[in-house]
Protein backbone atom coordinates (compact mmCIF):
# COMPACT_ATOMS: atom_id res chain seq x y z
CA MET A 1 -30.47 75.96 -25.82
CA PRO A 2 -26.82 76.60 -24.87
CA SER A 3 -25.11 79.86 -25.78
CA ALA A 4 -23.56 80.42 -29.20
CA ASN A 5 -20.17 80.34 -27.46
CA HIS A 6 -20.80 76.68 -26.48
CA PHE A 7 -21.30 75.67 -30.11
CA PHE A 8 -18.26 77.54 -31.37
CA THR A 9 -16.04 76.15 -28.60
CA LEU A 10 -17.27 72.60 -29.21
CA TYR A 11 -16.97 72.93 -33.00
CA ALA A 12 -13.32 74.03 -32.63
CA GLU A 13 -12.63 70.76 -30.66
CA PHE A 14 -13.91 68.76 -33.61
CA ARG A 15 -11.25 70.03 -36.00
CA PRO A 16 -9.59 66.99 -37.65
CA VAL A 17 -5.84 66.57 -37.91
CA LYS A 18 -3.68 65.09 -40.63
CA LEU A 19 -2.10 61.66 -40.14
CA THR A 20 0.86 60.58 -42.24
CA ASN A 21 0.21 56.85 -42.00
CA CYS A 22 -3.57 56.57 -42.52
CA THR A 23 -4.98 55.18 -45.79
CA PHE A 24 -8.70 55.92 -45.62
CA GLU A 25 -11.22 53.30 -46.61
CA ARG A 26 -14.98 53.28 -46.38
CA ILE A 27 -16.22 50.33 -44.32
CA GLY A 28 -19.83 49.20 -44.55
CA ASP A 29 -22.70 50.77 -46.49
CA ALA A 30 -22.22 53.25 -49.34
CA HIS A 31 -24.41 55.74 -47.47
CA ASP A 32 -25.99 55.53 -43.98
CA GLY A 33 -24.19 52.71 -42.11
CA GLY A 34 -20.83 53.29 -43.79
CA TYR A 35 -17.86 54.74 -41.91
CA VAL A 36 -14.51 56.09 -43.07
CA MET A 37 -11.60 54.45 -41.24
CA CYS A 38 -7.86 53.97 -41.61
CA GLY A 39 -7.98 50.67 -43.45
CA ASN A 40 -4.24 50.00 -43.21
CA LEU A 41 -4.32 50.40 -39.41
CA LEU A 42 -7.08 47.87 -38.69
CA SER A 43 -5.08 44.64 -38.80
CA ARG A 44 -4.08 44.48 -35.12
CA GLY A 45 -7.64 44.49 -33.85
CA LYS A 46 -8.56 41.26 -32.08
CA SER A 47 -12.27 41.89 -31.53
CA ALA A 48 -14.87 44.36 -32.85
CA TYR A 49 -17.77 46.17 -31.17
CA SER A 50 -20.74 47.53 -33.07
CA TYR A 51 -23.14 49.54 -30.92
CA GLY A 52 -26.55 50.36 -32.45
CA VAL A 53 -27.23 47.95 -35.32
CA ALA A 54 -31.04 47.96 -35.81
CA ASN A 55 -31.01 44.60 -37.66
CA THR A 56 -28.28 45.65 -40.12
CA ASP A 57 -24.54 45.79 -39.58
CA ASP A 58 -22.59 45.96 -42.82
CA TRP A 59 -19.76 47.71 -40.97
CA GLY A 60 -19.37 45.05 -38.28
CA CYS A 61 -19.64 42.16 -40.70
CA GLU A 62 -17.03 43.62 -43.00
CA ILE A 63 -14.65 44.16 -40.10
CA SER A 64 -15.29 40.62 -38.82
CA ARG A 65 -14.64 39.03 -42.22
CA ARG A 66 -11.60 41.13 -42.94
CA LEU A 67 -9.88 40.61 -39.58
CA ASP A 68 -11.28 37.12 -38.91
CA VAL A 69 -12.49 38.23 -35.49
CA PRO A 70 -15.82 38.24 -33.65
CA VAL A 71 -18.01 41.31 -33.91
CA HIS A 72 -20.09 41.97 -30.79
CA GLN A 73 -23.32 43.66 -31.93
CA TYR A 74 -25.47 45.53 -29.39
CA ASP A 75 -29.04 46.80 -29.67
CA CYS A 76 -31.87 46.56 -27.11
CA PHE A 77 -34.45 48.43 -29.19
CA ASP A 78 -34.32 46.16 -32.24
CA THR A 79 -33.42 42.73 -31.01
CA ARG A 80 -33.37 40.96 -34.37
CA PRO A 81 -29.79 39.69 -34.98
CA PRO A 82 -28.42 41.12 -38.24
CA ALA A 83 -27.49 38.76 -41.05
CA CYS A 84 -23.71 38.46 -41.30
CA PRO A 85 -22.66 35.99 -43.98
CA GLY A 86 -19.03 34.96 -43.64
CA GLY A 87 -18.56 36.89 -40.39
CA GLN A 88 -18.45 35.92 -36.72
CA PRO A 89 -21.39 37.86 -35.26
CA VAL A 90 -22.21 37.71 -31.55
CA PHE A 91 -25.50 39.58 -31.05
CA HIS A 92 -26.37 40.97 -27.62
CA PRO A 93 -29.97 42.21 -27.01
CA GLU A 94 -28.53 44.92 -24.79
CA CYS A 95 -27.69 48.62 -25.04
CA VAL A 96 -24.75 50.65 -23.85
CA GLY A 97 -24.90 53.16 -21.04
CA PRO A 98 -22.84 54.53 -18.18
CA VAL A 99 -23.98 51.85 -15.69
CA LYS A 100 -25.77 48.50 -15.57
CA LEU A 101 -29.55 48.90 -15.34
CA THR A 102 -32.85 47.73 -16.74
CA GLU A 103 -35.14 50.48 -18.09
CA GLU A 104 -38.60 49.75 -19.50
CA GLY A 105 -37.58 46.11 -19.82
CA ARG A 106 -34.42 46.91 -21.78
CA LEU A 107 -30.97 45.92 -20.54
CA PHE A 108 -28.09 48.41 -20.42
CA ASP A 109 -24.48 48.03 -19.32
CA SER A 110 -21.25 49.95 -19.53
CA VAL A 111 -18.60 49.61 -22.25
CA GLU A 112 -16.09 48.42 -19.64
CA ALA A 113 -18.43 45.71 -18.31
CA GLN A 114 -19.44 44.47 -21.77
CA ILE A 115 -15.84 44.15 -22.88
CA ALA A 116 -15.00 42.22 -19.70
CA LYS A 117 -18.03 39.88 -20.04
CA ASN A 118 -16.90 39.01 -23.56
CA GLY A 119 -13.42 38.05 -22.41
CA ASP A 120 -11.89 40.94 -24.31
CA ARG A 121 -10.16 42.74 -21.48
CA GLY A 122 -6.61 43.45 -22.58
CA LYS A 123 -7.32 42.93 -26.29
CA ARG A 124 -6.93 45.57 -29.02
CA LEU A 125 -10.36 46.57 -30.23
CA ILE A 126 -12.11 48.21 -33.19
CA MET A 127 -15.36 50.01 -32.25
CA LYS A 128 -18.31 51.72 -33.90
CA MET A 129 -21.02 53.49 -31.94
CA ASP A 130 -24.30 54.93 -33.25
CA VAL A 131 -26.63 55.07 -30.26
CA GLU A 132 -28.71 58.23 -30.73
CA GLY A 133 -27.19 60.34 -27.97
CA ALA A 134 -26.26 57.65 -25.42
CA GLU A 135 -22.62 57.96 -26.62
CA TRP A 136 -21.95 60.97 -24.42
CA THR A 137 -22.64 59.39 -21.03
CA SER A 138 -21.49 55.92 -22.08
CA LEU A 139 -18.03 57.06 -23.16
CA MET A 140 -17.65 59.59 -20.37
CA ALA A 141 -18.03 56.69 -17.93
CA THR A 142 -15.46 54.56 -19.78
CA PRO A 143 -12.06 54.55 -17.99
CA ASP A 144 -9.08 55.83 -19.91
CA GLU A 145 -7.39 52.43 -19.53
CA VAL A 146 -10.27 50.87 -21.50
CA LEU A 147 -10.24 53.60 -24.11
CA SER A 148 -6.51 53.07 -24.55
CA ARG A 149 -7.13 49.60 -25.98
CA ILE A 150 -9.48 50.84 -28.71
CA GLU A 151 -7.38 51.28 -31.85
CA GLN A 152 -10.07 53.03 -33.92
CA LEU A 153 -13.34 54.42 -32.66
CA SER A 154 -15.98 55.58 -35.17
CA ILE A 155 -18.89 57.42 -33.55
CA GLU A 156 -22.00 59.16 -34.80
CA PHE A 157 -22.51 62.00 -32.36
CA HIS A 158 -25.93 63.48 -31.60
CA ARG A 159 -27.36 66.25 -29.38
CA VAL A 160 -24.49 68.70 -29.34
CA ASN A 161 -26.55 71.12 -27.26
CA ASP A 162 -25.66 69.30 -24.01
CA PRO A 163 -23.04 71.36 -22.13
CA ARG A 164 -21.28 68.09 -21.03
CA THR A 165 -20.33 67.29 -24.64
CA LEU A 166 -17.24 69.46 -24.40
CA ASP A 167 -15.88 67.42 -21.48
CA LEU A 168 -16.20 64.15 -23.43
CA VAL A 169 -14.53 65.40 -26.61
CA ARG A 170 -11.57 66.69 -24.64
CA LYS A 171 -11.35 63.42 -22.75
CA LEU A 172 -11.31 61.39 -25.99
CA LYS A 173 -8.65 63.63 -27.53
CA GLU A 174 -6.32 62.71 -24.70
CA THR A 175 -6.17 59.17 -26.16
CA PHE A 176 -7.12 59.68 -29.82
CA HIS A 177 -6.36 61.78 -32.86
CA LEU A 178 -9.53 63.10 -34.46
CA ALA A 179 -8.89 62.03 -38.08
CA ASN A 180 -12.17 62.62 -39.94
CA ILE A 181 -15.56 64.25 -39.54
CA HIS A 182 -18.64 64.01 -41.75
CA PHE A 183 -21.98 65.65 -41.13
CA ASN A 184 -25.17 63.63 -41.53
CA ASN A 185 -27.23 65.35 -44.23
CA ALA A 186 -30.42 63.80 -42.80
CA ALA A 187 -29.81 65.98 -39.73
CA CYS A 188 -29.02 69.37 -41.24
CA ASP A 189 -29.98 72.22 -38.86
CA THR A 190 -29.25 75.92 -39.24
CA ARG A 191 -30.02 76.66 -35.55
CA ILE A 192 -26.79 75.24 -34.11
CA GLY A 193 -24.15 77.03 -36.15
CA PRO A 194 -21.28 76.68 -36.81
CA PHE A 195 -22.42 73.01 -36.80
CA PRO A 196 -24.31 72.37 -40.04
CA ALA A 197 -26.07 69.30 -38.63
CA TYR A 198 -26.92 67.88 -35.17
CA ALA A 199 -25.61 64.40 -36.07
CA PHE A 200 -22.17 63.65 -37.50
CA GLN A 201 -19.69 60.81 -37.81
CA VAL A 202 -16.22 61.18 -36.30
CA LEU A 203 -13.19 58.86 -36.65
CA PHE A 204 -10.86 58.69 -33.66
CA VAL A 205 -7.51 56.92 -34.18
CA ASN A 206 -5.52 55.95 -31.13
CA LYS A 207 -2.38 58.03 -30.73
CA TYR A 208 -0.19 54.95 -30.36
CA ILE A 209 -0.95 53.88 -33.94
CA GLY A 210 -1.71 57.19 -35.74
CA ALA A 211 1.26 59.35 -36.76
CA LEU A 212 0.48 63.05 -36.58
CA ASP A 213 1.70 65.07 -39.55
CA PRO A 214 4.43 67.37 -38.14
CA ALA A 215 3.49 70.00 -40.70
CA GLY A 216 0.09 70.32 -39.04
CA GLY A 217 -2.91 71.61 -40.91
CA THR A 218 -6.45 70.39 -41.33
CA PRO A 219 -7.35 67.84 -44.00
CA GLY A 220 -9.82 68.85 -46.66
CA PRO A 221 -13.09 67.06 -47.57
CA ASN A 222 -12.65 63.30 -47.64
CA PRO A 223 -13.74 61.89 -51.03
CA LEU A 224 -14.84 58.68 -49.34
CA ASP A 225 -17.49 60.45 -47.30
CA ALA A 226 -20.97 60.20 -48.78
CA PRO A 227 -24.41 61.62 -47.97
CA ASP A 228 -26.22 59.50 -45.41
CA ASP A 229 -29.39 60.06 -47.42
CA PRO A 230 -28.60 60.42 -51.15
CA THR A 231 -32.04 61.91 -51.82
CA LEU A 232 -31.43 64.99 -49.66
CA PRO A 233 -29.17 68.04 -50.10
CA ASP A 234 -25.81 67.88 -48.35
CA CYS A 235 -24.69 70.34 -45.67
CA GLN A 236 -20.96 69.90 -45.03
CA SER A 237 -19.02 72.71 -43.43
CA ARG A 238 -15.77 72.24 -45.30
């Protein structure tokens, strides 16, 4: 277990900022599987990526229908393509990782390579990632030039006890504003304070579209956030 200083330093990096031009909307499920995004800043996305779908992808299908773009869905653990009425789903029985490899019969490849294989190099992208801890190494291996084309990136982070997590958050904040954070109440854990949970959703908005509030400050609780599991107590930190 890392030192308490690690958790406090990392937690400070996850402080959201206020944007003057973001109108929040909840995309996808009302609980687990729903993500708060800047709805008014989605329209320029030309392709969507949904990592970790487990046979259901309300988020990706809503983005696909709304923007009239393909949604590339990735999962190598549950290889049943999600239903996506009215959308343009492209399911890949593959997972994301830092490099291309096959592990226990499952295919993995990098974000950069997957975008290129889909013919999306150079396009503006919308991305969601919920991959149970693989986000840290996958995104750390993603070049800044690739990250710069992602307009909004919604991630569920896991395993904050890895010392390398601090490097990734700082890398992402070079390209993105951290606009929202919500802790998963199915992962509440008092052992990693000041984090109230070991899994949490974060919205990153690219700095070239998000206008930082010059007055500064930290936004309060977002009314569009909802418990991932409505049957359990919540454990938000703000």
